[in-house]
Amino acid sequence: DKLTPKGPRKNADVGEPHDATRPLVSVGPVSAGSWWCAAGGWPSPALRATTEIFYVFSGHGCVTDLDGTPHHFGPGDTVILPKGWSGRWDIMEPIHKVWFVHDH
């Protein structure tokens, strides 16, 4: 209930994903927050300017690298998206995660 809705993802090409977020802390180049997203998928073609590490509380999804390598995740998984990553997000079951971003 404390997440702020962001609305539908504008670049979605599968389903009708919408998401919500809540920043938790920001210290220097590191920030953290919470994110929830409904099922759906979208391309993420821009190269990441930061490194993101996230821990999945609930839900299932997959990030796919540009070379087609899928990385499935679910409850209890930790995922790292390194600076320079791009690819695709697919959320199969509504997801709730906590994220940490390092701007380096």
PDB file of N, CA and C in Angstrom:
ATOM      1  N   ASP A   1       0.803  -1.203   0.000  1.00  0.00           N
ATOM      2  CA  ASP A   1       0.000   0.000   0.000  1.00  0.00           C
ATOM      3  C   ASP A   1       0.848   1.271   0.000  1.00  0.00           C
ATOM      4  N   LYS A   2       2.119   1.174   0.261  1.00  0.00           N
ATOM      5  CA  LYS A   2       2.952   2.375   0.310  1.00  0.00           C
ATOM      6  C   LYS A   2       3.722   2.614  -0.983  1.00  0.00           C
ATOM      7  N   LEU A   3       3.441   1.814  -2.011  1.00  0.00           N
ATOM      8  CA  LEU A   3       4.089   2.014  -3.301  1.00  0.00           C
ATOM      9  C   LEU A   3       3.301   3.052  -4.098  1.00  0.00           C
ATOM     10  N   THR A   4       3.996   3.846  -4.884  1.00  0.00           N
ATOM     11  CA  THR A   4       3.352   4.858  -5.725  1.00  0.00           C
ATOM     12  C   THR A   4       3.153   4.298  -7.123  1.00  0.00           C
ATOM     13  N   PRO A   5       1.891   4.201  -7.597  1.00  0.00           N
ATOM     14  CA  PRO A   5       1.645   3.686  -8.949  1.00  0.00           C
ATOM     15  C   PRO A   5       2.305   4.562 -10.005  1.00  0.00           C
ATOM     16  N   LYS A   6       2.924   3.894 -10.988  1.00  0.00           N
ATOM     17  CA  LYS A   6       3.546   4.598 -12.106  1.00  0.00           C
ATOM     18  C   LYS A   6       2.673   4.512 -13.352  1.00  0.00           C
ATOM     19  N   GLY A   7       1.700   3.591 -13.339  1.00  0.00           N
ATOM     20  CA  GLY A   7       0.814   3.435 -14.481  1.00  0.00           C
ATOM     21  C   GLY A   7       1.306   2.372 -15.443  1.00  0.00           C
ATOM     22  N   PRO A   8       0.643   2.273 -16.615  1.00  0.00           N
ATOM     23  CA  PRO A   8       1.024   1.256 -17.607  1.00  0.00           C
ATOM     24  C   PRO A   8       2.412   1.528 -18.185  1.00  0.00           C
ATOM     25  N   ARG A   9       3.121   0.462 -18.504  1.00  0.00           N
ATOM     26  CA  ARG A   9       4.429   0.611 -19.164  1.00  0.00           C
ATOM     27  C   ARG A   9       4.175   0.985 -20.619  1.00  0.00           C
ATOM     28  N   LYS A  10       4.725   2.088 -21.036  1.00  0.00           N
ATOM     29  CA  LYS A  10       4.448   2.612 -22.381  1.00  0.00           C
ATOM     30  C   LYS A  10       5.007   1.741 -23.500  1.00  0.00           C
ATOM     31  N   ASN A  11       6.099   1.025 -23.248  1.00  0.00           N
ATOM     32  CA  ASN A  11       6.723   0.235 -24.309  1.00  0.00           C
ATOM     33  C   ASN A  11       6.361  -1.248 -24.245  1.00  0.00           C
ATOM     34  N   ALA A  12       5.324  -1.615 -23.482  1.00  0.00           N
ATOM     35  CA  ALA A  12       4.933  -3.025 -23.352  1.00  0.00           C
ATOM     36  C   ALA A  12       4.463  -3.580 -24.695  1.00  0.00           C
ATOM     37  N   ASP A  13       4.909  -4.813 -24.991  1.00  0.00           N
ATOM     38  CA  ASP A  13       4.452  -5.488 -26.215  1.00  0.00           C
ATOM     39  C   ASP A  13       3.786  -6.828 -25.898  1.00  0.00           C
ATOM     40  N   VAL A  14       3.706  -7.175 -24.617  1.00  0.00           N
ATOM     41  CA  VAL A  14       3.010  -8.381 -24.167  1.00  0.00           C
ATOM     42  C   VAL A  14       2.182  -8.010 -22.942  1.00  0.00           C
ATOM     43  N   GLY A  15       0.892  -8.321 -22.968  1.00  0.00           N
ATOM     44  CA  GLY A  15       0.033  -8.052 -21.829  1.00  0.00           C
ATOM     45  C   GLY A  15      -0.134  -6.558 -21.575  1.00  0.00           C
ATOM     46  N   GLU A  16      -0.543  -6.240 -20.358  1.00  0.00           N
ATOM     47  CA  GLU A  16      -0.749  -4.851 -19.962  1.00  0.00           C
ATOM     48  C   GLU A  16      -0.064  -4.586 -18.614  1.00  0.00           C
ATOM     49  N   PRO A  17       1.262  -4.689 -18.577  1.00  0.00           N
ATOM     50  CA  PRO A  17       1.950  -4.491 -17.300  1.00  0.00           C
ATOM     51  C   PRO A  17       1.844  -3.049 -16.805  1.00  0.00           C
ATOM     52  N   HIS A  18       1.642  -2.920 -15.531  1.00  0.00           N
ATOM     53  CA  HIS A  18       1.694  -1.623 -14.866  1.00  0.00           C
ATOM     54  C   HIS A  18       2.496  -1.837 -13.590  1.00  0.00           C
ATOM     55  N   ASP A  19       3.140  -0.779 -13.123  1.00  0.00           N
ATOM     56  CA  ASP A  19       4.024  -0.960 -11.988  1.00  0.00           C
ATOM     57  C   ASP A  19       3.870   0.147 -10.964  1.00  0.00           C
ATOM     58  N   ALA A  20       4.491  -0.093  -9.814  1.00  0.00           N
ATOM     59  CA  ALA A  20       4.480   0.858  -8.707  1.00  0.00           C
ATOM     60  C   ALA A  20       5.830   0.756  -8.009  1.00  0.00           C
ATOM     61  N   THR A  21       6.261   1.848  -7.414  1.00  0.00           N
ATOM     62  CA  THR A  21       7.584   1.871  -6.801  1.00  0.00           C
ATOM     63  C   THR A  21       7.583   2.698  -5.527  1.00  0.00           C
ATOM     64  N   ARG A  22       8.622   2.526  -4.751  1.00  0.00           N
ATOM     65  CA  ARG A  22       8.827   3.342  -3.557  1.00  0.00           C
ATOM     66  C   ARG A  22      10.321   3.456  -3.294  1.00  0.00           C
ATOM     67  N   PRO A  23      10.884   4.647  -3.426  1.00  0.00           N
ATOM     68  CA  PRO A  23      12.277   4.826  -3.049  1.00  0.00           C
ATOM     69  C   PRO A  23      12.406   4.629  -1.532  1.00  0.00           C
ATOM     70  N   LEU A  24      13.479   3.975  -1.105  1.00  0.00           N
ATOM     71  CA  LEU A  24      13.685   3.736   0.321  1.00  0.00           C
ATOM     72  C   LEU A  24      14.832   4.561   0.879  1.00  0.00           C
ATOM     73  N   VAL A  25      15.955   4.617   0.146  1.00  0.00           N
ATOM     74  CA  VAL A  25      17.110   5.360   0.631  1.00  0.00           C
ATOM     75  C   VAL A  25      18.027   5.701  -0.543  1.00  0.00           C
ATOM     76  N   SER A  26      18.758   6.787  -0.389  1.00  0.00           N
ATOM     77  CA  SER A  26      19.760   7.170  -1.373  1.00  0.00           C
ATOM     78  C   SER A  26      20.942   7.765  -0.619  1.00  0.00           C
ATOM     79  N   VAL A  27      22.113   7.153  -0.806  1.00  0.00           N
ATOM     80  CA  VAL A  27      23.332   7.611  -0.142  1.00  0.00           C
ATOM     81  C   VAL A  27      24.441   7.633  -1.189  1.00  0.00           C
ATOM     82  N   GLY A  28      24.887   8.831  -1.529  1.00  0.00           N
ATOM     83  CA  GLY A  28      25.929   8.947  -2.541  1.00  0.00           C
ATOM     84  C   GLY A  28      25.485   8.285  -3.840  1.00  0.00           C
ATOM     85  N   PRO A  29      26.323   7.396  -4.386  1.00  0.00           N
ATOM     86  CA  PRO A  29      25.995   6.768  -5.673  1.00  0.00           C
ATOM     87  C   PRO A  29      25.078   5.547  -5.557  1.00  0.00           C
ATOM     88  N   VAL A  30      24.591   5.238  -4.349  1.00  0.00           N
ATOM     89  CA  VAL A  30      23.772   4.044  -4.145  1.00  0.00           C
ATOM     90  C   VAL A  30      22.363   4.445  -3.712  1.00  0.00           C
ATOM     91  N   SER A  31      21.372   3.811  -4.327  1.00  0.00           N
ATOM     92  CA  SER A  31      19.987   4.020  -3.912  1.00  0.00           C
ATOM     93  C   SER A  31      19.301   2.669  -3.838  1.00  0.00           C
ATOM     94  N   ALA A  32      18.206   2.639  -3.077  1.00  0.00           N
ATOM     95  CA  ALA A  32      17.441   1.398  -2.915  1.00  0.00           C
ATOM     96  C   ALA A  32      15.966   1.726  -2.890  1.00  0.00           C
ATOM     97  N   GLY A  33      15.169   0.743  -3.276  1.00  0.00           N
ATOM     98  CA  GLY A  33      13.731   0.939  -3.277  1.00  0.00           C
ATOM     99  C   GLY A  33      13.006  -0.370  -3.456  1.00  0.00           C
ATOM    100  N   SER A  34      11.700  -0.270  -3.529  1.00  0.00           N
ATOM    101  CA  SER A  34      10.825  -1.423  -3.698  1.00  0.00           C
ATOM    102  C   SER A  34      10.040  -1.233  -4.987  1.00  0.00           C
ATOM    103  N   TRP A  35       9.755  -2.319  -5.688  1.00  0.00           N
ATOM    104  CA  TRP A  35       9.062  -2.255  -6.987  1.00  0.00           C
ATOM    105  C   TRP A  35       8.117  -3.417  -7.121  1.00  0.00           C
ATOM    106  N   TRP A  36       6.943  -3.159  -7.662  1.00  0.00           N
ATOM    107  CA  TRP A  36       5.944  -4.180  -7.965  1.00  0.00           C
ATOM    108  C   TRP A  36       5.524  -3.992  -9.408  1.00  0.00           C
ATOM    109  N   CYS A  37       5.263  -5.117 -10.111  1.00  0.00           N
ATOM    110  CA  CYS A  37       4.814  -5.021 -11.497  1.00  0.00           C
ATOM    111  C   CYS A  37       3.875  -6.172 -11.823  1.00  0.00           C
ATOM    112  N   ALA A  38       2.813  -5.862 -12.559  1.00  0.00           N
ATOM    113  CA  ALA A  38       1.866  -6.867 -13.042  1.00  0.00           C
ATOM    114  C   ALA A  38       2.468  -7.602 -14.237  1.00  0.00           C
ATOM    115  N   ALA A  39       1.869  -8.719 -14.596  1.00  0.00           N
ATOM    116  CA  ALA A  39       2.358  -9.555 -15.697  1.00  0.00           C
ATOM    117  C   ALA A  39       2.371  -8.797 -17.023  1.00  0.00           C
ATOM    118  N   GLY A  40       3.403  -9.102 -17.824  1.00  0.00           N
ATOM    119  CA  GLY A  40       3.543  -8.515 -19.151  1.00  0.00           C
ATOM    120  C   GLY A  40       5.013  -8.493 -19.546  1.00  0.00           C
ATOM    121  N   GLY A  41       5.284  -7.965 -20.722  1.00  0.00           N
ATOM    122  CA  GLY A  41       6.657  -7.940 -21.195  1.00  0.00           C
ATOM    123  C   GLY A  41       6.956  -6.700 -21.998  1.00  0.00           C
ATOM    124  N   TRP A  42       8.264  -6.351 -22.042  1.00  0.00           N
ATOM    125  CA  TRP A  42       8.682  -5.168 -22.779  1.00  0.00           C
ATOM    126  C   TRP A  42      10.175  -5.239 -23.087  1.00  0.00           C
ATOM    127  N   PRO A  43      10.564  -4.631 -24.193  1.00  0.00           N
ATOM    128  CA  PRO A  43      11.991  -4.537 -24.493  1.00  0.00           C
ATOM    129  C   PRO A  43      12.627  -3.459 -23.624  1.00  0.00           C
ATOM    130  N   SER A  44      13.894  -3.646 -23.323  1.00  0.00           N
ATOM    131  CA  SER A  44      14.677  -2.668 -22.566  1.00  0.00           C
ATOM    132  C   SER A  44      15.965  -2.430 -23.357  1.00  0.00           C
ATOM    133  N   PRO A  45      15.845  -1.706 -24.498  1.00  0.00           N
ATOM    134  CA  PRO A  45      16.964  -1.603 -25.437  1.00  0.00           C
ATOM    135  C   PRO A  45      18.084  -0.650 -25.027  1.00  0.00           C
ATOM    136  N   ALA A  46      17.798   0.323 -24.150  1.00  0.00           N
ATOM    137  CA  ALA A  46      18.832   1.282 -23.769  1.00  0.00           C
ATOM    138  C   ALA A  46      19.851   0.609 -22.844  1.00  0.00           C
ATOM    139  N   LEU A  47      21.124   0.868 -23.090  1.00  0.00           N
ATOM    140  CA  LEU A  47      22.167   0.321 -22.231  1.00  0.00           C
ATOM    141  C   LEU A  47      22.049   0.925 -20.836  1.00  0.00           C
ATOM    142  N   ARG A  48      22.068   0.061 -19.820  1.00  0.00           N
ATOM    143  CA  ARG A  48      21.965   0.538 -18.430  1.00  0.00           C
ATOM    144  C   ARG A  48      23.130   1.459 -18.112  1.00  0.00           C
ATOM    145  N   ALA A  49      22.833   2.592 -17.485  1.00  0.00           N
ATOM    146  CA  ALA A  49      23.869   3.529 -17.053  1.00  0.00           C
ATOM    147  C   ALA A  49      24.343   3.198 -15.642  1.00  0.00           C
ATOM    148  N   THR A  50      23.650   2.275 -14.970  1.00  0.00           N
ATOM    149  CA  THR A  50      23.946   1.893 -13.589  1.00  0.00           C
ATOM    150  C   THR A  50      23.941   0.372 -13.477  1.00  0.00           C
ATOM    151  N   THR A  51      24.427  -0.135 -12.348  1.00  0.00           N
ATOM    152  CA  THR A  51      24.298  -1.554 -12.030  1.00  0.00           C
ATOM    153  C   THR A  51      23.140  -1.703 -11.062  1.00  0.00           C
ATOM    154  N   GLU A  52      22.254  -2.641 -11.347  1.00  0.00           N
ATOM    155  CA  GLU A  52      21.123  -2.916 -10.453  1.00  0.00           C
ATOM    156  C   GLU A  52      21.242  -4.327  -9.898  1.00  0.00           C
ATOM    157  N   ILE A  53      21.026  -4.462  -8.610  1.00  0.00           N
ATOM    158  CA  ILE A  53      20.935  -5.761  -7.953  1.00  0.00           C
ATOM    159  C   ILE A  53      19.550  -5.800  -7.329  1.00  0.00           C
ATOM    160  N   PHE A  54      18.797  -6.876  -7.582  1.00  0.00           N
ATOM    161  CA  PHE A  54      17.495  -6.955  -6.931  1.00  0.00           C
ATOM    162  C   PHE A  54      17.233  -8.333  -6.345  1.00  0.00           C
ATOM    163  N   TYR A  55      16.423  -8.323  -5.288  1.00  0.00           N
ATOM    164  CA  TYR A  55      16.019  -9.533  -4.578  1.00  0.00           C
ATOM    165  C   TYR A  55      14.515  -9.676  -4.752  1.00  0.00           C
ATOM    166  N   VAL A  56      14.078 -10.857  -5.168  1.00  0.00           N
ATOM    167  CA  VAL A  56      12.666 -11.104  -5.461  1.00  0.00           C
ATOM    168  C   VAL A  56      11.957 -11.652  -4.220  1.00  0.00           C
ATOM    169  N   PHE A  57      10.921 -10.935  -3.775  1.00  0.00           N
ATOM    170  CA  PHE A  57      10.088 -11.402  -2.662  1.00  0.00           C
ATOM    171  C   PHE A  57       8.997 -12.352  -3.149  1.00  0.00           C
ATOM    172  N   SER A  58       8.356 -11.985  -4.262  1.00  0.00           N
ATOM    173  CA  SER A  58       7.258 -12.802  -4.787  1.00  0.00           C
ATOM    174  C   SER A  58       7.152 -12.589  -6.290  1.00  0.00           C
ATOM    175  N   GLY A  59       6.525 -13.558  -6.951  1.00  0.00           N
ATOM    176  CA  GLY A  59       6.317 -13.476  -8.390  1.00  0.00           C
ATOM    177  C   GLY A  59       7.410 -14.177  -9.177  1.00  0.00           C
ATOM    178  N   HIS A  60       7.200 -14.243 -10.489  1.00  0.00           N
ATOM    179  CA  HIS A  60       8.162 -14.891 -11.379  1.00  0.00           C
ATOM    180  C   HIS A  60       8.329 -14.065 -12.639  1.00  0.00           C
ATOM    181  N   GLY A  61       9.557 -14.060 -13.152  1.00  0.00           N
ATOM    182  CA  GLY A  61       9.829 -13.327 -14.370  1.00  0.00           C
ATOM    183  C   GLY A  61      11.110 -13.796 -15.016  1.00  0.00           C
ATOM    184  N   CYS A  62      11.523 -13.056 -16.034  1.00  0.00           N
ATOM    185  CA  CYS A  62      12.725 -13.406 -16.772  1.00  0.00           C
ATOM    186  C   CYS A  62      13.282 -12.137 -17.403  1.00  0.00           C
ATOM    187  N   VAL A  63      14.590 -11.969 -17.298  1.00  0.00           N
ATOM    188  CA  VAL A  63      15.267 -10.951 -18.091  1.00  0.00           C
ATOM    189  C   VAL A  63      16.079 -11.717 -19.137  1.00  0.00           C
ATOM    190  N   THR A  64      16.035 -11.232 -20.358  1.00  0.00           N
ATOM    191  CA  THR A  64      16.719 -11.904 -21.456  1.00  0.00           C
ATOM    192  C   THR A  64      17.760 -10.961 -22.039  1.00  0.00           C
ATOM    193  N   ASP A  65      19.003 -11.445 -22.092  1.00  0.00           N
ATOM    194  CA  ASP A  65      20.087 -10.653 -22.664  1.00  0.00           C
ATOM    195  C   ASP A  65      19.863 -10.460 -24.165  1.00  0.00           C
ATOM    196  N   LEU A  66      20.538  -9.491 -24.750  1.00  0.00           N
ATOM    197  CA  LEU A  66      20.419  -9.238 -26.187  1.00  0.00           C
ATOM    198  C   LEU A  66      20.784 -10.456 -27.034  1.00  0.00           C
ATOM    199  N   ASP A  67      21.670 -11.322 -26.519  1.00  0.00           N
ATOM    200  CA  ASP A  67      22.056 -12.510 -27.282  1.00  0.00           C
ATOM    201  C   ASP A  67      21.033 -13.644 -27.153  1.00  0.00           C
ATOM    202  N   GLY A  68      19.930 -13.374 -26.425  1.00  0.00           N
ATOM    203  CA  GLY A  68      18.863 -14.371 -26.288  1.00  0.00           C
ATOM    204  C   GLY A  68      18.969 -15.250 -25.047  1.00  0.00           C
ATOM    205  N   THR A  69      19.982 -15.059 -24.217  1.00  0.00           N
ATOM    206  CA  THR A  69      20.140 -15.861 -23.010  1.00  0.00           C
ATOM    207  C   THR A  69      19.123 -15.421 -21.958  1.00  0.00           C
ATOM    208  N   PRO A  70      18.204 -16.330 -21.560  1.00  0.00           N
ATOM    209  CA  PRO A  70      17.202 -15.969 -20.546  1.00  0.00           C
ATOM    210  C   PRO A  70      17.735 -16.202 -19.133  1.00  0.00           C
ATOM    211  N   HIS A  71      17.272 -15.382 -18.203  1.00  0.00           N
ATOM    212  CA  HIS A  71      17.615 -15.521 -16.786  1.00  0.00           C
ATOM    213  C   HIS A  71      16.307 -15.446 -16.003  1.00  0.00           C
ATOM    214  N   HIS A  72      15.760 -16.612 -15.679  1.00  0.00           N
ATOM    215  CA  HIS A  72      14.496 -16.688 -14.951  1.00  0.00           C
ATOM    216  C   HIS A  72      14.727 -16.390 -13.478  1.00  0.00           C
ATOM    217  N   PHE A  73      13.746 -15.791 -12.833  1.00  0.00           N
ATOM    218  CA  PHE A  73      13.854 -15.499 -11.407  1.00  0.00           C
ATOM    219  C   PHE A  73      12.506 -15.653 -10.724  1.00  0.00           C
ATOM    220  N   GLY A  74      12.590 -15.924  -9.421  1.00  0.00           N
ATOM    221  CA  GLY A  74      11.405 -16.098  -8.603  1.00  0.00           C
ATOM    222  C   GLY A  74      11.742 -15.807  -7.155  1.00  0.00           C
ATOM    223  N   PRO A  75      10.817 -16.092  -6.245  1.00  0.00           N
ATOM    224  CA  PRO A  75      11.018 -15.776  -4.832  1.00  0.00           C
ATOM    225  C   PRO A  75      12.348 -16.313  -4.302  1.00  0.00           C
ATOM    226  N   GLY A  76      13.088 -15.432  -3.620  1.00  0.00           N
ATOM    227  CA  GLY A  76      14.364 -15.813  -3.029  1.00  0.00           C
ATOM    228  C   GLY A  76      15.556 -15.630  -3.938  1.00  0.00           C
ATOM    229  N   ASP A  77      15.333 -15.291  -5.208  1.00  0.00           N
ATOM    230  CA  ASP A  77      16.440 -15.111  -6.152  1.00  0.00           C
ATOM    231  C   ASP A  77      17.000 -13.689  -6.088  1.00  0.00           C
ATOM    232  N   THR A  78      18.297 -13.592  -6.337  1.00  0.00           N
ATOM    233  CA  THR A  78      18.986 -12.311  -6.479  1.00  0.00           C
ATOM    234  C   THR A  78      19.470 -12.209  -7.914  1.00  0.00           C
ATOM    235  N   VAL A  79      19.232 -11.071  -8.543  1.00  0.00           N
ATOM    236  CA  VAL A  79      19.598 -10.859  -9.945  1.00  0.00           C
ATOM    237  C   VAL A  79      20.475  -9.617 -10.028  1.00  0.00           C
ATOM    238  N   ILE A  80      21.488  -9.675 -10.883  1.00  0.00           N
ATOM    239  CA  ILE A  80      22.357  -8.524 -11.114  1.00  0.00           C
ATOM    240  C   ILE A  80      22.256  -8.134 -12.589  1.00  0.00           C
ATOM    241  N   LEU A  81      21.908  -6.875 -12.828  1.00  0.00           N
ATOM    242  CA  LEU A  81      21.916  -6.311 -14.178  1.00  0.00           C
ATOM    243  C   LEU A  81      23.085  -5.326 -14.214  1.00  0.00           C
ATOM    244  N   PRO A  82      24.193  -5.711 -14.843  1.00  0.00           N
ATOM    245  CA  PRO A  82      25.387  -4.855 -14.817  1.00  0.00           C
ATOM    246  C   PRO A  82      25.235  -3.610 -15.678  1.00  0.00           C
ATOM    247  N   LYS A  83      26.035  -2.626 -15.352  1.00  0.00           N
ATOM    248  CA  LYS A  83      26.105  -1.422 -16.176  1.00  0.00           C
ATOM    249  C   LYS A  83      26.361  -1.870 -17.611  1.00  0.00           C
ATOM    250  N   GLY A  84      25.617  -1.299 -18.556  1.00  0.00           N
ATOM    251  CA  GLY A  84      25.764  -1.669 -19.960  1.00  0.00           C
ATOM    252  C   GLY A  84      24.801  -2.751 -20.420  1.00  0.00           C
ATOM    253  N   TRP A  85      24.044  -3.363 -19.477  1.00  0.00           N
ATOM    254  CA  TRP A  85      23.085  -4.414 -19.858  1.00  0.00           C
ATOM    255  C   TRP A  85      21.916  -3.809 -20.616  1.00  0.00           C
ATOM    256  N   SER A  86      21.406  -4.566 -21.564  1.00  0.00           N
ATOM    257  CA  SER A  86      20.125  -4.263 -22.204  1.00  0.00           C
ATOM    258  C   SER A  86      19.543  -5.581 -22.664  1.00  0.00           C
ATOM    259  N   GLY A  87      18.271  -5.581 -22.905  1.00  0.00           N
ATOM    260  CA  GLY A  87      17.607  -6.825 -23.309  1.00  0.00           C
ATOM    261  C   GLY A  87      16.108  -6.714 -23.201  1.00  0.00           C
ATOM    262  N   ARG A  88      15.512  -7.644 -22.450  1.00  0.00           N
ATOM    263  CA  ARG A  88      14.059  -7.730 -22.374  1.00  0.00           C
ATOM    264  C   ARG A  88      13.629  -8.175 -20.989  1.00  0.00           C
ATOM    265  N   TRP A  89      12.506  -7.630 -20.532  1.00  0.00           N
ATOM    266  CA  TRP A  89      11.843  -8.036 -19.296  1.00  0.00           C
ATOM    267  C   TRP A  89      10.546  -8.752 -19.631  1.00  0.00           C
ATOM    268  N   ASP A  90      10.307  -9.877 -18.986  1.00  0.00           N
ATOM    269  CA  ASP A  90       9.018 -10.559 -19.072  1.00  0.00           C
ATOM    270  C   ASP A  90       8.610 -10.959 -17.659  1.00  0.00           C
ATOM    271  N   ILE A  91       7.468 -10.481 -17.228  1.00  0.00           N
ATOM    272  CA  ILE A  91       6.931 -10.800 -15.907  1.00  0.00           C
ATOM    273  C   ILE A  91       5.780 -11.783 -16.122  1.00  0.00           C
ATOM    274  N   MET A  92       5.950 -13.026 -15.638  1.00  0.00           N
ATOM    275  CA  MET A  92       4.944 -14.059 -15.835  1.00  0.00           C
ATOM    276  C   MET A  92       3.884 -14.053 -14.736  1.00  0.00           C
ATOM    277  N   GLU A  93       4.295 -13.641 -13.543  1.00  0.00           N
ATOM    278  CA  GLU A  93       3.421 -13.601 -12.375  1.00  0.00           C
ATOM    279  C   GLU A  93       3.774 -12.320 -11.629  1.00  0.00           C
ATOM    280  N   PRO A  94       2.798 -11.523 -11.194  1.00  0.00           N
ATOM    281  CA  PRO A  94       3.121 -10.242 -10.554  1.00  0.00           C
ATOM    282  C   PRO A  94       4.301 -10.356  -9.589  1.00  0.00           C
ATOM    283  N   ILE A  95       5.224  -9.430  -9.729  1.00  0.00           N
ATOM    284  CA  ILE A  95       6.484  -9.493  -8.982  1.00  0.00           C
ATOM    285  C   ILE A  95       6.586  -8.353  -7.978  1.00  0.00           C
ATOM    286  N   HIS A  96       7.200  -8.657  -6.865  1.00  0.00           N
ATOM    287  CA  HIS A  96       7.567  -7.628  -5.886  1.00  0.00           C
ATOM    288  C   HIS A  96       9.040  -7.860  -5.565  1.00  0.00           C
ATOM    289  N   LYS A  97       9.829  -6.812  -5.711  1.00  0.00           N
ATOM    290  CA  LYS A  97      11.271  -6.930  -5.471  1.00  0.00           C
ATOM    291  C   LYS A  97      11.757  -5.707  -4.717  1.00  0.00           C
ATOM    292  N   VAL A  98      12.920  -5.853  -4.097  1.00  0.00           N
ATOM    293  CA  VAL A  98      13.639  -4.716  -3.554  1.00  0.00           C
ATOM    294  C   VAL A  98      14.888  -4.570  -4.408  1.00  0.00           C
ATOM    295  N   TRP A  99      15.225  -3.350  -4.778  1.00  0.00           N
ATOM    296  CA  TRP A  99      16.346  -3.118  -5.672  1.00  0.00           C
ATOM    297  C   TRP A  99      17.383  -2.194  -5.048  1.00  0.00           C
ATOM    298  N   PHE A 100      18.600  -2.368  -5.516  1.00  0.00           N
ATOM    299  CA  PHE A 100      19.729  -1.532  -5.137  1.00  0.00           C
ATOM    300  C   PHE A 100      20.397  -1.102  -6.441  1.00  0.00           C
ATOM    301  N   VAL A 101      20.629   0.161  -6.611  1.00  0.00           N
ATOM    302  CA  VAL A 101      21.255   0.671  -7.826  1.00  0.00           C
ATOM    303  C   VAL A 101      22.533   1.404  -7.450  1.00  0.00           C
ATOM    304  N   HIS A 102      23.610   1.077  -8.163  1.00  0.00           N
ATOM    305  CA  HIS A 102      24.894   1.743  -7.963  1.00  0.00           C
ATOM    306  C   HIS A 102      25.212   2.535  -9.223  1.00  0.00           C
ATOM    307  N   ASP A 103      25.320   3.836  -9.074  1.00  0.00           N
ATOM    308  CA  ASP A 103      25.631   4.729 -10.187  1.00  0.00           C
ATOM    309  C   ASP A 103      27.145   4.926 -10.215  1.00  0.00           C
ATOM    310  N   HIS A 104      27.808   4.231 -11.138  1.00  0.00           N
ATOM    311  CA  HIS A 104      29.276   4.280 -11.200  1.00  0.00           C
ATOM    312  C   HIS A 104      29.766   4.486 -12.606  1.00  0.00           C
TER     313      HIS A 104
END
